[in-house]
Protein backbone atom coordinates (compact mmCIF):
# COMPACT_ATOMS: atom_id res chain seq x y z
CA MET A 1 62.75 -14.48 51.44
CA ALA A 2 61.99 -10.98 51.30
CA LYS A 3 60.82 -9.77 47.75
CA LYS A 4 63.39 -7.16 46.11
CA LYS A 5 63.05 -3.62 45.74
CA THR A 6 62.89 -2.36 42.92
CA ASN A 7 63.16 1.52 41.89
CA GLU A 8 61.00 1.19 38.49
CA PRO A 9 58.55 4.00 38.84
CA LYS A 10 54.53 3.09 39.21
CA THR A 11 52.73 3.63 36.01
CA LEU A 12 50.37 6.92 35.99
CA LYS A 13 47.11 7.40 34.64
CA PRO A 14 47.44 9.86 31.98
CA GLU A 15 46.71 13.35 32.96
CA ILE A 16 44.48 14.28 30.27
CA ALA A 17 40.84 16.15 31.30
CA VAL A 18 38.17 13.56 29.58
CA GLY A 19 34.21 14.23 30.00
CA VAL A 20 31.10 12.14 28.99
CA LEU A 21 27.81 13.95 28.07
CA GLY A 22 25.02 11.57 28.46
CA SER A 23 23.36 9.32 30.95
CA GLY A 24 22.00 6.41 29.08
CA SER A 25 23.84 2.77 28.82
CA PHE A 26 26.31 3.90 26.56
CA ALA A 27 27.10 6.66 28.17
CA THR A 28 27.83 4.83 31.31
CA ALA A 29 29.68 2.15 29.73
CA ILE A 30 32.05 4.85 27.95
CA VAL A 31 32.57 6.25 31.89
CA LYS A 32 33.06 2.72 32.70
CA MET A 33 35.78 2.67 30.01
CA LEU A 34 37.71 5.71 30.66
CA VAL A 35 37.72 5.35 34.45
CA GLU A 36 40.28 2.25 33.71
CA ASN A 37 43.23 5.29 32.38
CA SER A 38 41.80 8.49 33.91
CA LYS A 39 41.86 10.09 37.64
CA THR A 40 38.85 11.56 37.06
CA VAL A 41 36.17 11.55 34.56
CA HIS A 42 33.62 14.25 34.41
CA TRP A 43 30.19 13.14 33.60
CA CYS A 44 27.20 15.81 32.83
CA VAL A 45 23.87 13.66 33.35
CA ARG A 46 20.38 14.94 32.33
CA ASN A 47 18.96 16.24 35.59
CA GLU A 48 19.45 16.53 39.49
CA PHE A 49 17.90 13.29 40.09
CA VAL A 50 20.17 11.20 38.08
CA LYS A 51 23.23 13.29 39.56
CA GLY A 52 21.98 12.81 43.20
CA ALA A 53 21.84 8.91 42.73
CA ILE A 54 25.21 8.69 41.42
CA GLU A 55 26.71 10.38 44.14
CA LEU A 56 25.02 8.81 46.90
CA ARG A 57 25.01 4.82 45.18
CA HIS A 58 27.93 5.46 42.95
CA HIS A 59 26.13 4.14 40.03
CA ASN A 60 23.43 5.51 37.20
CA PRO A 61 20.12 4.78 38.66
CA THR A 62 18.64 3.64 35.26
CA TYR A 63 21.20 2.03 33.05
CA LEU A 64 23.76 -0.43 33.81
CA THR A 65 22.81 -0.19 37.41
CA SER A 66 25.58 -2.95 38.45
CA VAL A 67 28.43 -0.94 36.90
CA SER A 68 29.64 0.79 40.37
CA PHE A 69 32.41 4.08 40.04
CA ALA A 70 34.57 4.72 42.94
CA PRO A 71 33.09 7.87 44.09
CA LYS A 72 36.86 9.84 43.56
CA SER A 73 37.05 8.74 39.71
CA ILE A 74 34.00 10.71 38.36
CA LYS A 75 32.71 13.70 38.90
CA VAL A 76 28.70 14.45 38.09
CA THR A 77 27.40 17.92 36.86
CA THR A 78 24.13 18.74 34.76
CA ASP A 79 25.95 21.70 33.51
CA ILE A 80 27.54 20.86 29.94
CA ASN A 81 29.69 24.54 30.57
CA GLU A 82 30.86 22.94 33.77
CA LEU A 83 31.48 20.23 31.73
CA VAL A 84 33.39 21.31 28.42
CA SER A 85 35.58 24.13 30.47
CA GLN A 86 36.92 21.53 32.43
CA CYS A 87 37.44 19.23 29.77
CA GLU A 88 40.37 18.61 27.01
CA ILE A 89 38.02 16.04 25.40
CA ILE A 90 34.23 15.68 25.40
CA VAL A 91 32.33 12.62 24.16
CA LEU A 92 29.15 12.93 23.39
CA ALA A 93 27.17 9.73 24.52
CA THR A 94 23.34 11.42 24.12
CA PRO A 95 20.81 10.21 21.83
CA SER A 96 20.45 11.76 18.58
CA ILE A 97 17.53 13.55 19.33
CA TYR A 98 18.82 15.28 22.15
CA LEU A 99 21.50 16.22 21.04
CA SER A 100 21.08 19.61 19.51
CA ASP A 101 19.28 20.66 22.89
CA GLN A 102 22.63 20.24 24.91
CA MET A 103 24.81 21.72 22.62
CA GLU A 104 22.91 24.91 22.40
CA LYS A 105 23.03 25.35 25.75
CA MET A 106 27.15 25.77 25.35
CA THR A 107 28.26 29.10 25.83
CA CYS A 108 31.64 28.87 27.25
CA GLU A 109 34.89 28.73 25.15
CA TYR A 110 34.87 25.34 23.02
CA ARG A 111 37.18 25.74 20.11
CA ASP A 112 40.17 24.22 21.20
CA LYS A 113 38.53 21.02 22.64
CA ILE A 114 38.32 17.51 21.01
CA PHE A 115 34.71 16.10 20.63
CA VAL A 116 34.16 12.64 20.04
CA SER A 117 30.83 11.41 19.01
CA ALA A 118 29.66 8.28 20.37
CA ILE A 119 26.03 8.73 18.91
CA LYS A 120 24.95 6.59 16.01
CA GLY A 121 22.17 8.17 14.75
CA ILE A 122 21.14 11.59 12.78
CA VAL A 123 20.81 14.76 14.75
CA PRO A 124 16.99 15.49 13.56
CA LYS A 125 17.59 19.68 13.43
CA ALA A 126 20.13 19.42 11.28
CA ASN A 127 18.93 16.15 9.56
CA ASP A 128 22.65 15.03 9.34
CA VAL A 129 25.43 13.27 10.84
CA VAL A 130 27.07 14.58 14.17
CA ALA A 131 30.30 15.12 12.21
CA HIS A 132 28.20 17.62 10.00
CA TYR A 133 26.72 19.26 12.61
CA LEU A 134 29.30 20.07 14.78
CA ARG A 135 31.16 21.46 11.85
CA ASP A 136 28.29 23.51 10.68
CA ASN A 137 26.74 25.00 13.63
CA PHE A 138 29.59 25.24 15.88
CA GLU A 139 32.61 25.37 13.68
CA ILE A 140 33.87 22.51 15.11
CA GLY A 141 36.32 20.99 11.95
CA PHE A 142 37.30 17.54 11.52
CA ARG A 143 40.61 18.45 13.31
CA ASN A 144 38.87 18.60 16.75
CA GLN A 145 36.22 15.79 16.26
CA ALA A 146 36.85 12.08 16.60
CA VAL A 147 33.88 9.29 16.14
CA ILE A 148 33.83 6.10 18.27
CA ALA A 149 32.60 2.85 15.99
CA GLY A 150 32.81 -0.94 16.17
CA PRO A 151 30.76 -3.45 17.57
CA CYS A 152 30.71 -2.66 21.28
CA HIS A 153 27.28 -3.51 23.11
CA ALA A 154 27.02 -1.07 26.59
CA GLU A 155 25.76 -4.37 28.37
CA GLU A 156 29.00 -6.59 27.43
CA VAL A 157 31.29 -3.63 28.52
CA ALA A 158 29.42 -3.82 31.79
CA MET A 159 30.03 -7.43 32.03
CA GLU A 160 33.91 -6.80 31.21
CA ARG A 161 33.19 -9.22 28.12
CA LEU A 162 36.50 -8.28 25.69
CA SER A 163 35.00 -5.41 23.12
CA TYR A 164 36.64 -4.02 20.12
CA LEU A 165 36.33 -0.32 19.39
CA THR A 166 37.52 1.67 16.11
CA ILE A 167 38.08 5.53 16.90
CA ALA A 168 38.06 7.50 13.81
CA THR A 169 40.05 10.68 13.78
CA VAL A 170 42.14 12.63 11.14
CA GLU A 171 45.15 13.97 14.04
CA ASP A 172 47.83 11.14 14.85
CA GLU A 173 47.98 13.19 18.15
CA VAL A 174 44.53 12.75 18.87
CA SER A 175 44.24 9.49 17.76
CA GLU A 176 47.32 8.82 20.23
CA LYS A 177 45.64 9.93 23.04
CA LEU A 178 42.00 8.71 22.45
CA CYS A 179 43.52 5.04 22.35
CA GLN A 180 45.45 5.60 25.49
CA LEU A 181 42.55 6.76 26.93
CA PHE A 182 39.82 3.89 26.09
CA SER A 183 42.41 0.82 25.72
CA SER A 184 42.03 -1.50 28.90
CA SER A 185 42.03 -5.18 29.73
CA PHE A 186 38.65 -5.79 28.24
CA ILE A 187 38.66 -3.01 25.51
CA LYS A 188 40.81 -2.88 22.26
CA VAL A 189 40.84 -0.09 20.62
CA GLU A 190 41.97 0.41 16.75
CA PRO A 191 42.71 3.75 14.83
CA SER A 192 40.94 4.75 11.34
CA LYS A 193 41.38 8.17 9.68
CA ASP A 194 37.35 7.50 8.07
CA ILE A 195 35.28 9.76 9.99
CA LEU A 196 32.64 10.17 7.79
CA GLY A 197 32.83 6.70 6.54
CA ASN A 198 32.61 5.00 10.22
CA GLU A 199 29.75 7.51 11.13
CA TYR A 200 27.28 6.47 8.64
CA SER A 201 28.24 2.78 9.17
CA ALA A 202 27.21 3.07 12.70
CA ILE A 203 24.00 4.52 11.50
CA LEU A 204 23.18 2.25 8.92
CA LYS A 205 23.55 -1.00 10.82
CA ASN A 206 20.89 0.35 13.20
CA ILE A 207 18.64 0.26 9.87
CA TYR A 208 19.78 -2.83 8.99
CA ALA A 209 19.30 -4.46 12.35
CA ILE A 210 15.75 -3.28 12.08
CA GLY A 211 15.22 -4.92 8.86
CA ALA A 212 16.75 -8.41 10.43
CA GLY A 213 14.56 -7.96 13.68
CA ILE A 214 11.35 -7.65 11.37
CA ALA A 215 12.64 -10.82 8.96
CA GLY A 216 12.73 -12.56 12.83
CA GLY A 217 9.45 -11.39 14.18
CA LEU A 218 7.72 -12.80 10.68
CA GLY A 219 9.40 -16.34 11.16
CA TYR A 220 12.36 -16.13 8.92
CA GLY A 221 15.21 -18.49 9.99
CA ASP A 222 18.65 -18.01 10.45
CA ASN A 223 19.42 -18.80 6.51
CA PHE A 224 17.72 -16.15 5.57
CA THR A 225 19.09 -13.39 8.23
CA ALA A 226 22.26 -14.73 6.78
CA VAL A 227 21.69 -13.93 3.03
CA PHE A 228 19.94 -9.94 4.65
CA VAL A 229 23.10 -9.32 6.25
CA SER A 230 25.40 -10.22 3.28
CA ASN A 231 23.07 -8.21 1.11
CA ALA A 232 23.31 -5.34 3.66
CA ILE A 233 26.83 -4.89 4.18
CA ARG A 234 26.98 -4.84 0.24
CA GLU A 235 24.52 -1.96 0.26
CA MET A 236 26.14 -0.35 2.79
CA GLU A 237 29.64 -0.21 1.05
CA ILE A 238 27.80 1.43 -2.00
CA PHE A 239 25.84 3.96 0.30
CA LEU A 240 29.22 4.84 2.01
CA GLU A 241 31.09 4.87 -1.63
CA ALA A 242 28.45 7.45 -2.71
CA ILE A 243 28.56 9.81 0.15
CA TYR A 244 32.43 9.89 0.72
CA GLU A 245 34.95 7.85 -0.90
CA ALA A 246 37.96 6.95 1.06
CA PRO A 247 40.15 4.10 1.51
CA ARG A 248 37.96 1.67 3.70
CA ASP A 249 37.51 -2.12 3.83
CA VAL A 250 33.83 -2.76 4.47
CA ASN A 251 34.63 -6.10 6.01
CA GLU A 252 36.79 -4.76 9.06
CA SER A 253 34.93 -4.74 12.05
CA ALA A 254 33.83 -1.16 12.34
CA TYR A 255 31.38 -1.95 9.30
CA LEU A 256 30.65 -5.45 8.82
CA GLY A 257 31.36 -6.46 12.81
CA ASP A 258 29.09 -3.69 14.26
CA LEU A 259 26.35 -4.75 11.54
CA LEU A 260 26.78 -8.58 12.61
CA VAL A 261 26.72 -7.92 16.54
CA THR A 262 23.84 -5.16 15.76
CA ALA A 263 21.88 -7.48 13.43
CA TYR A 264 21.99 -10.79 15.55
CA SER A 265 22.59 -9.81 19.33
CA LEU A 266 19.63 -9.54 21.87
CA PHE A 267 21.08 -6.56 23.33
CA SER A 268 20.35 -4.98 20.12
CA ARG A 269 17.28 -2.45 20.47
CA ASN A 270 16.82 -1.65 16.97
CA ARG A 271 17.17 -5.24 16.18
CA ASN A 272 14.25 -5.75 19.55
CA LEU A 273 12.24 -2.97 17.92
CA GLY A 274 12.43 -5.08 14.32
CA ASN A 275 11.13 -7.78 15.63
CA LEU A 276 8.11 -6.40 18.10
CA ILE A 277 7.24 -4.76 14.13
CA GLY A 278 7.72 -8.34 12.35
CA LYS A 279 5.38 -9.73 15.50
CA GLY A 280 2.52 -7.58 14.38
CA TYR A 281 2.71 -4.24 16.64
CA THR A 282 2.33 -1.00 14.86
CA VAL A 283 5.70 1.20 14.62
CA LYS A 284 4.03 3.69 17.31
CA SER A 285 3.30 0.88 19.80
CA ALA A 286 6.25 -1.23 19.45
CA ILE A 287 8.66 2.29 19.54
CA GLN A 288 6.54 2.98 22.96
CA SER A 289 7.01 -0.48 24.38
CA MET A 290 10.55 -0.13 24.37
CA ASN A 291 12.61 2.08 27.26
CA MET A 292 15.18 2.70 25.44
CA ILE A 293 15.89 4.59 22.04
CA ALA A 294 16.24 2.75 18.91
CA GLU A 295 18.37 5.03 16.47
CA GLY A 296 17.57 3.30 13.39
CA TYR A 297 14.06 4.35 13.68
CA TYR A 298 14.87 8.05 13.38
CA ALA A 299 17.77 8.07 10.90
CA ALA A 300 15.82 6.07 8.50
CA ASP A 301 13.50 9.00 7.44
CA SER A 302 17.05 10.93 6.71
CA ILE A 303 18.95 8.34 4.99
CA TYR A 304 16.33 6.88 2.88
CA ARG A 305 15.92 10.76 1.47
CA THR A 306 19.90 10.92 0.92
CA SER A 307 19.43 7.52 -1.10
CA LYS A 308 16.99 8.83 -3.40
CA GLU A 309 18.14 12.29 -4.02
CA LYS A 310 21.82 10.33 -4.76
CA GLY A 311 20.26 7.94 -7.07
CA MET A 312 21.11 4.98 -5.21
CA LYS A 313 19.78 1.64 -5.38
CA THR A 314 19.10 0.78 -1.76
CA PRO A 315 16.19 -2.06 -1.53
CA ILE A 316 16.68 -2.63 1.86
CA ILE A 317 16.56 0.90 3.29
CA ASP A 318 14.02 1.47 1.19
CA THR A 319 11.84 -1.50 2.13
CA ILE A 320 12.66 -0.56 6.03
CA TYR A 321 11.57 3.21 5.46
CA GLY A 322 8.44 1.97 3.50
CA ILE A 323 7.56 -0.27 6.72
CA LEU A 324 8.71 2.47 9.50
CA TYR A 325 7.22 5.57 7.54
CA GLU A 326 4.70 4.76 4.88
CA GLU A 327 2.76 2.46 6.92
CA LYS A 328 3.54 -0.94 4.36
CA ASN A 329 2.85 -4.23 5.81
CA ALA A 330 5.76 -5.68 6.48
CA GLU A 331 4.96 -8.88 6.00
CA LYS A 332 4.24 -8.04 2.02
CA GLN A 333 7.29 -5.79 1.93
CA PHE A 334 9.73 -8.79 2.83
CA LYS A 335 7.91 -11.00 0.58
CA LYS A 336 9.07 -8.33 -2.25
CA LEU A 337 12.69 -7.84 -0.71
CA THR A 338 13.49 -11.76 -1.11
CA ALA A 339 13.20 -11.50 -4.86
CA LYS A 340 15.86 -9.25 -4.63
CA LEU A 341 18.38 -10.33 -2.74
CA THR A 342 21.09 -12.76 -3.99
């Protein structure tokens, strides 16, 4: 029996020009998310070698190499001005230590664009979060910004395992566009208006994950790690309230969920860095042995200083900072920390 024809129109992909800055694992995962709902995703990568490899072999030559892209689904460049001038929405997904180098090359008109930060770290030149860096250095206000948060490891996105994103932005129209762009069969999206809370929590959880890794390397077990994470989420709440008071529930996935996956997952580069330190590596040798950047290391200095400036009691942050930047003995510092946890 012949199938009955219908006159229902096919679902069309939204005509929103979107681009991604960065060529690491999370940037590649974001491109994979976006091609689900966009005809073409513009992609600005670090150099001509990466660009040529993607165009020839249709996958990132270094990160998430199993993810293939249809040739017509992406347009690759090494020029941030080409990316920004062609896109309405630009997702920033470089490591925080490289962001300013890229943004300072931007000479095209950008004031009507939406910039989405997928960066979970402090911008070193500004010693501040991305939201403030964009506002203070490029006059990109919060109405033209958004932050991606939540438990969403790139490796699981590559395997299309169900993952959850939180997208924080103050404008409802921007939120609607971004939710439409990122939602798919394997990505669920929740909106939020807590831009600074989401950004700071994404930074803090990396520092706490280093601590969880150190504990594991030292031989502490699951019982201690559970107590450690329980104290970490409470410390995070204290920090966030001191920085920016807003209606938020730290038990939601953007805060607690992201902390849990980063503290426990074998995919977590911050946990892995801590684990090496706990096993006896020097901080320098542990960093050098990794082929990806652990944002928590670079953030710990700034977060520690902010904590002290505001008079916060943050024993976990203090402990991690001491180990990372003051060459304090990890075993001795964690033994002292155990007396402060409840």
